[in-house]
Amino acid sequence: MHHELRVYDDEAALHAAAARYVAHVARQVVDTTAHCSLALSGGTTPWGMFAELATMDVPWEQTVLFQVDERVAPAGDPDRNLTGLRENLAAAPAVIEPMNVEADDLEEAAQNYTQLLPATFDLVHLGIGPDGHTASLIAGDPVLEISDRLVAVTEPYQGRRRMTMTYPALARAQQILWLVAGPDARVALAQLLAGDESIPAGRVRAARSLVMADRAALAT
């Protein structure tokens, strides 16, 4: 799929611009439809964006935040994406629908999360790992081939099982926002921009795709 690319001098500029973009989308959607649904990914790269977003004019009362993926770990664990999300959005009255990875039955919890998802997402934020994974769609995991479920549970990866939105869920996005920073992402980002479907990120399909990256993430 086609990706629009915007490049920023450093990670701070990237985070500020990405936050402005998300805030703009939320305001525009709420002005039109009264409700906005955003799905946010984990990892540490977007924390700066979340912190910037918390200071901006966002119609929080009409906006719901969903998790794209989550590590199976106890509440408050630093491995949890929810922990970083809540800490960095603490200044904002954000409504977050967390994935229940503390459930005894993770498959049932994944199905229950599916029931919460909207028919379309106004924006889905994604990152990309050095190995080309996005969300918790990881090369070689059976979750990549799931076509009949919107949320699923992965095999262990880097010591944790994950709950993740699947490709059909990501395809509900009206807009994908890829946030990519640092030299570790260079190879995978180049593959994404080239449409390389050998990496999990390259198989994401949605209505529109915007890649926001810092200069360090671009192949030279």
C-alpha atoms as a PDB file:
ATOM      1  CA  MET A   1       0.000   0.000   0.000  1.00  0.00           C
ATOM      2  CA  HIS A   2       1.059   3.608  -0.501  1.00  0.00           C
ATOM      3  CA  HIS A   3       2.622   5.406   2.467  1.00  0.00           C
ATOM      4  CA  GLU A   4       2.907   9.166   2.797  1.00  0.00           C
ATOM      5  CA  LEU A   5       6.245  10.017   4.445  1.00  0.00           C
ATOM      6  CA  ARG A   6       7.051  12.983   6.695  1.00  0.00           C
ATOM      7  CA  VAL A   7      10.544  13.326   8.157  1.00  0.00           C
ATOM      8  CA  TYR A   8      11.690  15.309  11.216  1.00  0.00           C
ATOM      9  CA  ASP A   9      15.131  16.340  12.415  1.00  0.00           C
ATOM     10  CA  ASP A  10      15.037  14.518  15.728  1.00  0.00           C
ATOM     11  CA  GLU A  11      12.822  12.470  18.024  1.00  0.00           C
ATOM     12  CA  ALA A  12      11.553  15.492  19.977  1.00  0.00           C
ATOM     13  CA  ALA A  13      10.330  17.179  16.799  1.00  0.00           C
ATOM     14  CA  LEU A  14       8.817  13.892  15.660  1.00  0.00           C
ATOM     15  CA  HIS A  15       6.875  13.410  18.897  1.00  0.00           C
ATOM     16  CA  ALA A  16       5.554  16.972  18.848  1.00  0.00           C
ATOM     17  CA  ALA A  17       4.439  16.725  15.224  1.00  0.00           C
ATOM     18  CA  ALA A  18       2.832  13.323  15.721  1.00  0.00           C
ATOM     19  CA  ALA A  19       0.910  14.573  18.760  1.00  0.00           C
ATOM     20  CA  ARG A  20      -0.314  17.602  16.805  1.00  0.00           C
ATOM     21  CA  TYR A  21      -1.456  15.296  14.030  1.00  0.00           C
ATOM     22  CA  VAL A  22      -3.366  12.956  16.361  1.00  0.00           C
ATOM     23  CA  ALA A  23      -4.986  15.906  18.131  1.00  0.00           C
ATOM     24  CA  HIS A  24      -6.004  17.386  14.776  1.00  0.00           C
ATOM     25  CA  VAL A  25      -7.570  14.094  13.657  1.00  0.00           C
ATOM     26  CA  ALA A  26      -9.473  13.770  16.933  1.00  0.00           C
ATOM     27  CA  ARG A  27     -10.859  17.308  16.740  1.00  0.00           C
ATOM     28  CA  GLN A  28     -11.808  16.909  13.089  1.00  0.00           C
ATOM     29  CA  VAL A  29     -13.573  13.592  13.674  1.00  0.00           C
ATOM     30  CA  VAL A  30     -15.467  14.821  16.737  1.00  0.00           C
ATOM     31  CA  ASP A  31     -16.583  17.934  14.857  1.00  0.00           C
ATOM     32  CA  THR A  32     -18.029  15.650  12.181  1.00  0.00           C
ATOM     33  CA  THR A  33     -19.298  12.575  14.016  1.00  0.00           C
ATOM     34  CA  ALA A  34     -19.219  13.541  17.730  1.00  0.00           C
ATOM     35  CA  HIS A  35     -17.115  10.479  18.698  1.00  0.00           C
ATOM     36  CA  CYS A  36     -13.527   9.474  17.982  1.00  0.00           C
ATOM     37  CA  SER A  37     -11.833   6.087  18.323  1.00  0.00           C
ATOM     38  CA  LEU A  38      -8.047   5.860  18.473  1.00  0.00           C
ATOM     39  CA  ALA A  39      -5.920   2.727  18.859  1.00  0.00           C
ATOM     40  CA  LEU A  40      -2.429   3.147  20.296  1.00  0.00           C
ATOM     41  CA  SER A  41       0.541   0.797  20.230  1.00  0.00           C
ATOM     42  CA  GLY A  42       3.073   0.107  22.949  1.00  0.00           C
ATOM     43  CA  GLY A  43       6.818   0.205  23.340  1.00  0.00           C
ATOM     44  CA  THR A  44       8.767   3.234  24.546  1.00  0.00           C
ATOM     45  CA  THR A  45       9.046   5.079  21.201  1.00  0.00           C
ATOM     46  CA  PRO A  46       5.580   6.723  21.426  1.00  0.00           C
ATOM     47  CA  TRP A  47       5.869   7.843  25.055  1.00  0.00           C
ATOM     48  CA  GLY A  48       7.029  11.306  24.009  1.00  0.00           C
ATOM     49  CA  MET A  49       4.076  11.581  21.649  1.00  0.00           C
ATOM     50  CA  PHE A  50       1.673  10.565  24.416  1.00  0.00           C
ATOM     51  CA  ALA A  51       3.153  13.139  26.818  1.00  0.00           C
ATOM     52  CA  GLU A  52       2.838  15.886  24.202  1.00  0.00           C
ATOM     53  CA  LEU A  53      -0.713  14.798  23.406  1.00  0.00           C
ATOM     54  CA  ALA A  54      -1.689  15.128  27.062  1.00  0.00           C
ATOM     55  CA  THR A  55      -0.953  18.874  26.883  1.00  0.00           C
ATOM     56  CA  MET A  56      -2.957  19.517  23.725  1.00  0.00           C
ATOM     57  CA  ASP A  57      -6.499  20.510  22.898  1.00  0.00           C
ATOM     58  CA  VAL A  58      -8.085  17.087  22.413  1.00  0.00           C
ATOM     59  CA  PRO A  59     -11.816  16.364  22.838  1.00  0.00           C
ATOM     60  CA  TRP A  60     -11.085  13.702  25.443  1.00  0.00           C
ATOM     61  CA  GLU A  61     -14.684  13.301  26.603  1.00  0.00           C
ATOM     62  CA  GLN A  62     -15.696  12.229  23.093  1.00  0.00           C
ATOM     63  CA  THR A  63     -12.602  10.113  22.437  1.00  0.00           C
ATOM     64  CA  VAL A  64     -11.902   6.495  23.383  1.00  0.00           C
ATOM     65  CA  LEU A  65      -8.414   4.988  23.314  1.00  0.00           C
ATOM     66  CA  PHE A  66      -7.960   1.308  22.543  1.00  0.00           C
ATOM     67  CA  GLN A  67      -4.821  -0.782  22.857  1.00  0.00           C
ATOM     68  CA  VAL A  68      -3.335  -2.229  19.679  1.00  0.00           C
ATOM     69  CA  ASP A  69      -1.385  -4.775  21.715  1.00  0.00           C
ATOM     70  CA  GLU A  70      -0.323  -5.630  25.236  1.00  0.00           C
ATOM     71  CA  ARG A  71       2.217  -7.874  26.951  1.00  0.00           C
ATOM     72  CA  VAL A  72       0.867 -10.543  29.286  1.00  0.00           C
ATOM     73  CA  ALA A  73       2.183  -9.236  32.605  1.00  0.00           C
ATOM     74  CA  PRO A  74       0.774  -8.156  35.986  1.00  0.00           C
ATOM     75  CA  ALA A  75      -0.930  -4.808  36.524  1.00  0.00           C
ATOM     76  CA  GLY A  76       1.556  -1.962  36.837  1.00  0.00           C
ATOM     77  CA  ASP A  77       4.438  -4.031  35.474  1.00  0.00           C
ATOM     78  CA  PRO A  78       6.883  -1.865  33.481  1.00  0.00           C
ATOM     79  CA  ASP A  79       6.544  -4.368  30.623  1.00  0.00           C
ATOM     80  CA  ARG A  80       2.891  -3.425  30.254  1.00  0.00           C
ATOM     81  CA  ASN A  81       2.090  -0.991  27.456  1.00  0.00           C
ATOM     82  CA  LEU A  82      -0.799   0.270  29.574  1.00  0.00           C
ATOM     83  CA  THR A  83       1.644   1.412  32.271  1.00  0.00           C
ATOM     84  CA  GLY A  84       3.504   3.732  29.897  1.00  0.00           C
ATOM     85  CA  LEU A  85       0.295   4.887  28.274  1.00  0.00           C
ATOM     86  CA  ARG A  86      -1.326   5.884  31.557  1.00  0.00           C
ATOM     87  CA  GLU A  87       1.820   7.507  32.953  1.00  0.00           C
ATOM     88  CA  ASN A  88       2.398   9.658  29.885  1.00  0.00           C
ATOM     89  CA  LEU A  89      -1.265  10.582  29.428  1.00  0.00           C
ATOM     90  CA  ALA A  90      -1.742  11.231  33.143  1.00  0.00           C
ATOM     91  CA  ALA A  91      -2.339  14.949  32.590  1.00  0.00           C
ATOM     92  CA  ALA A  92      -5.273  14.231  30.259  1.00  0.00           C
ATOM     93  CA  PRO A  93      -8.740  12.869  31.144  1.00  0.00           C
ATOM     94  CA  ALA A  94      -8.298  10.072  28.624  1.00  0.00           C
ATOM     95  CA  VAL A  95     -10.726   7.158  28.470  1.00  0.00           C
ATOM     96  CA  ILE A  96      -8.697   3.990  27.892  1.00  0.00           C
ATOM     97  CA  GLU A  97     -10.130   0.548  27.159  1.00  0.00           C
ATOM     98  CA  PRO A  98      -7.362  -1.786  28.390  1.00  0.00           C
ATOM     99  CA  MET A  99      -6.747  -5.289  27.113  1.00  0.00           C
ATOM    100  CA  ASN A 100      -7.380  -7.716  29.982  1.00  0.00           C
ATOM    101  CA  VAL A 101      -4.124  -9.665  29.960  1.00  0.00           C
ATOM    102  CA  GLU A 102      -4.538 -10.548  33.620  1.00  0.00           C
ATOM    103  CA  ALA A 103      -7.459 -12.870  32.845  1.00  0.00           C
ATOM    104  CA  ASP A 104      -7.194 -16.590  33.576  1.00  0.00           C
ATOM    105  CA  ASP A 105      -8.515 -17.347  30.096  1.00  0.00           C
ATOM    106  CA  LEU A 106      -6.616 -15.154  27.644  1.00  0.00           C
ATOM    107  CA  GLU A 107      -8.457 -16.442  24.585  1.00  0.00           C
ATOM    108  CA  GLU A 108     -11.789 -15.511  26.155  1.00  0.00           C
ATOM    109  CA  ALA A 109     -10.360 -12.121  27.140  1.00  0.00           C
ATOM    110  CA  ALA A 110      -9.278 -11.543  23.539  1.00  0.00           C
ATOM    111  CA  GLN A 111     -12.775 -12.353  22.334  1.00  0.00           C
ATOM    112  CA  ASN A 112     -14.263 -10.008  24.934  1.00  0.00           C
ATOM    113  CA  TYR A 113     -11.996  -7.199  23.743  1.00  0.00           C
ATOM    114  CA  THR A 114     -13.177  -7.814  20.222  1.00  0.00           C
ATOM    115  CA  GLN A 115     -16.704  -6.985  21.352  1.00  0.00           C
ATOM    116  CA  LEU A 116     -15.546  -3.516  22.452  1.00  0.00           C
ATOM    117  CA  LEU A 117     -13.999  -2.532  19.130  1.00  0.00           C
ATOM    118  CA  PRO A 118     -15.740  -0.060  16.831  1.00  0.00           C
ATOM    119  CA  ALA A 119     -16.661  -0.878  13.246  1.00  0.00           C
ATOM    120  CA  THR A 120     -13.925   1.544  12.166  1.00  0.00           C
ATOM    121  CA  PHE A 121     -11.011   3.263  13.890  1.00  0.00           C
ATOM    122  CA  ASP A 122     -10.486   6.911  13.100  1.00  0.00           C
ATOM    123  CA  LEU A 123      -6.760   6.408  13.625  1.00  0.00           C
ATOM    124  CA  VAL A 124      -4.495   3.489  14.510  1.00  0.00           C
ATOM    125  CA  HIS A 125      -0.961   4.252  15.664  1.00  0.00           C
ATOM    126  CA  LEU A 126       1.681   1.634  14.886  1.00  0.00           C
ATOM    127  CA  GLY A 127       5.403   1.260  15.398  1.00  0.00           C
ATOM    128  CA  ILE A 128       7.882  -1.055  13.737  1.00  0.00           C
ATOM    129  CA  GLY A 129      10.540  -3.229  15.341  1.00  0.00           C
ATOM    130  CA  PRO A 130      14.023  -3.896  13.972  1.00  0.00           C
ATOM    131  CA  ASP A 131      12.754  -7.329  12.899  1.00  0.00           C
ATOM    132  CA  GLY A 132       9.834  -5.798  10.989  1.00  0.00           C
ATOM    133  CA  HIS A 133       7.110  -6.679  13.478  1.00  0.00           C
ATOM    134  CA  THR A 134       4.291  -4.261  14.189  1.00  0.00           C
ATOM    135  CA  ALA A 135       1.668  -4.379  16.938  1.00  0.00           C
ATOM    136  CA  SER A 136       2.476  -7.884  18.243  1.00  0.00           C
ATOM    137  CA  LEU A 137       2.325  -9.370  14.762  1.00  0.00           C
ATOM    138  CA  ILE A 138       5.622 -11.202  14.799  1.00  0.00           C
ATOM    139  CA  ALA A 139       7.305 -13.185  12.016  1.00  0.00           C
ATOM    140  CA  GLY A 140       6.612 -16.895  12.292  1.00  0.00           C
ATOM    141  CA  ASP A 141       3.755 -16.564  14.787  1.00  0.00           C
ATOM    142  CA  PRO A 142       0.451 -18.243  13.833  1.00  0.00           C
ATOM    143  CA  VAL A 143      -1.336 -14.982  14.686  1.00  0.00           C
ATOM    144  CA  LEU A 144      -0.214 -13.608  11.305  1.00  0.00           C
ATOM    145  CA  GLU A 145      -2.543 -15.971   9.473  1.00  0.00           C
ATOM    146  CA  ILE A 146      -5.675 -15.236  11.510  1.00  0.00           C
ATOM    147  CA  SER A 147      -8.431 -13.876   9.299  1.00  0.00           C
ATOM    148  CA  ASP A 148     -11.556 -14.565  11.367  1.00  0.00           C
ATOM    149  CA  ARG A 149     -10.686 -12.788  14.646  1.00  0.00           C
ATOM    150  CA  LEU A 150      -9.889  -9.171  15.444  1.00  0.00           C
ATOM    151  CA  VAL A 151      -7.882  -9.840  18.608  1.00  0.00           C
ATOM    152  CA  ALA A 152      -5.684 -12.850  19.337  1.00  0.00           C
ATOM    153  CA  VAL A 153      -2.957 -14.119  21.659  1.00  0.00           C
ATOM    154  CA  THR A 154       0.569 -14.783  20.432  1.00  0.00           C
ATOM    155  CA  GLU A 155       3.194 -17.335  21.289  1.00  0.00           C
ATOM    156  CA  PRO A 156       5.934 -16.069  23.656  1.00  0.00           C
ATOM    157  CA  TYR A 157       8.140 -13.326  22.171  1.00  0.00           C
ATOM    158  CA  GLN A 158      10.990 -11.730  24.094  1.00  0.00           C
ATOM    159  CA  GLY A 159       9.808 -13.542  27.199  1.00  0.00           C
ATOM    160  CA  ARG A 160       6.117 -12.568  27.068  1.00  0.00           C
ATOM    161  CA  ARG A 161       2.998 -13.722  25.317  1.00  0.00           C
ATOM    162  CA  ARG A 162       1.067 -10.821  23.804  1.00  0.00           C
ATOM    163  CA  MET A 163      -2.523  -9.908  23.066  1.00  0.00           C
ATOM    164  CA  THR A 164      -2.756  -8.110  19.752  1.00  0.00           C
ATOM    165  CA  MET A 165      -5.065  -6.762  17.126  1.00  0.00           C
ATOM    166  CA  THR A 166      -4.854  -8.841  13.966  1.00  0.00           C
ATOM    167  CA  TYR A 167      -4.619  -7.700  10.351  1.00  0.00           C
ATOM    168  CA  PRO A 168      -8.430  -7.640   9.964  1.00  0.00           C
ATOM    169  CA  ALA A 169      -8.671  -5.282  12.955  1.00  0.00           C
ATOM    170  CA  LEU A 170      -5.961  -2.969  11.629  1.00  0.00           C
ATOM    171  CA  ALA A 171      -7.776  -2.916   8.287  1.00  0.00           C
ATOM    172  CA  ARG A 172     -10.629  -1.120  10.067  1.00  0.00           C
ATOM    173  CA  ALA A 173      -8.429   1.975  10.331  1.00  0.00           C
ATOM    174  CA  GLN A 174      -9.413   5.044   8.369  1.00  0.00           C
ATOM    175  CA  GLN A 175      -5.857   6.241   8.993  1.00  0.00           C
ATOM    176  CA  ILE A 176      -2.690   4.410  10.023  1.00  0.00           C
ATOM    177  CA  LEU A 177      -0.013   6.527  11.699  1.00  0.00           C
ATOM    178  CA  TRP A 178       3.410   4.877  11.750  1.00  0.00           C
ATOM    179  CA  LEU A 179       5.751   6.446  14.318  1.00  0.00           C
ATOM    180  CA  VAL A 180       9.350   5.408  13.673  1.00  0.00           C
ATOM    181  CA  ALA A 181      12.518   6.661  15.375  1.00  0.00           C
ATOM    182  CA  GLY A 182      16.170   5.753  15.676  1.00  0.00           C
ATOM    183  CA  PRO A 183      18.783   3.919  13.608  1.00  0.00           C
ATOM    184  CA  ASP A 184      17.640   0.467  14.768  1.00  0.00           C
ATOM    185  CA  ALA A 185      14.542   0.906  12.594  1.00  0.00           C
ATOM    186  CA  ARG A 186      16.384   1.794   9.378  1.00  0.00           C
ATOM    187  CA  VAL A 187      16.256  -1.569   7.622  1.00  0.00           C
ATOM    188  CA  ALA A 188      12.664  -2.361   8.612  1.00  0.00           C
ATOM    189  CA  LEU A 189      11.447   1.130   7.693  1.00  0.00           C
ATOM    190  CA  ALA A 190      13.078   0.872   4.269  1.00  0.00           C
ATOM    191  CA  GLN A 191      11.309  -2.463   3.784  1.00  0.00           C
ATOM    192  CA  LEU A 192       7.976  -0.987   4.838  1.00  0.00           C
ATOM    193  CA  LEU A 193       8.304   1.944   2.461  1.00  0.00           C
ATOM    194  CA  ALA A 194       9.279  -0.455  -0.339  1.00  0.00           C
ATOM    195  CA  GLY A 195       6.133  -2.528   0.202  1.00  0.00           C
ATOM    196  CA  ASP A 196       8.085  -5.596   1.324  1.00  0.00           C
ATOM    197  CA  GLU A 197       5.496  -8.139   2.477  1.00  0.00           C
ATOM    198  CA  SER A 198       8.160 -10.469   3.880  1.00  0.00           C
ATOM    199  CA  ILE A 199       7.989  -8.488   7.131  1.00  0.00           C
ATOM    200  CA  PRO A 200       4.796  -8.421   9.210  1.00  0.00           C
ATOM    201  CA  ALA A 201       4.527  -4.626   8.989  1.00  0.00           C
ATOM    202  CA  GLY A 202       4.503  -4.858   5.203  1.00  0.00           C
ATOM    203  CA  ARG A 203       1.258  -6.811   5.257  1.00  0.00           C
ATOM    204  CA  VAL A 204      -0.814  -4.131   7.026  1.00  0.00           C
ATOM    205  CA  ARG A 205      -3.641  -2.784   4.880  1.00  0.00           C
ATOM    206  CA  ALA A 206      -5.867   0.192   5.680  1.00  0.00           C
ATOM    207  CA  ALA A 207      -7.571   3.123   3.993  1.00  0.00           C
ATOM    208  CA  ARG A 208      -4.628   5.531   4.389  1.00  0.00           C
ATOM    209  CA  SER A 209      -1.105   5.329   5.755  1.00  0.00           C
ATOM    210  CA  LEU A 210       1.163   8.102   7.048  1.00  0.00           C
ATOM    211  CA  VAL A 211       4.742   7.390   8.133  1.00  0.00           C
ATOM    212  CA  MET A 212       6.265   9.942  10.495  1.00  0.00           C
ATOM    213  CA  ALA A 213       9.965   9.298  11.144  1.00  0.00           C
ATOM    214  CA  ASP A 214      13.055  11.038  12.397  1.00  0.00           C
ATOM    215  CA  ARG A 215      16.121  11.330  10.180  1.00  0.00           C
ATOM    216  CA  ALA A 216      17.968   8.683  12.185  1.00  0.00           C
ATOM    217  CA  ALA A 217      15.417   6.080  11.079  1.00  0.00           C
ATOM    218  CA  LEU A 218      15.954   6.687   7.366  1.00  0.00           C
ATOM    219  CA  ALA A 219      18.365   4.487   5.455  1.00  0.00           C
ATOM    220  CA  THR A 220      21.375   6.379   4.165  1.00  0.00           C
END
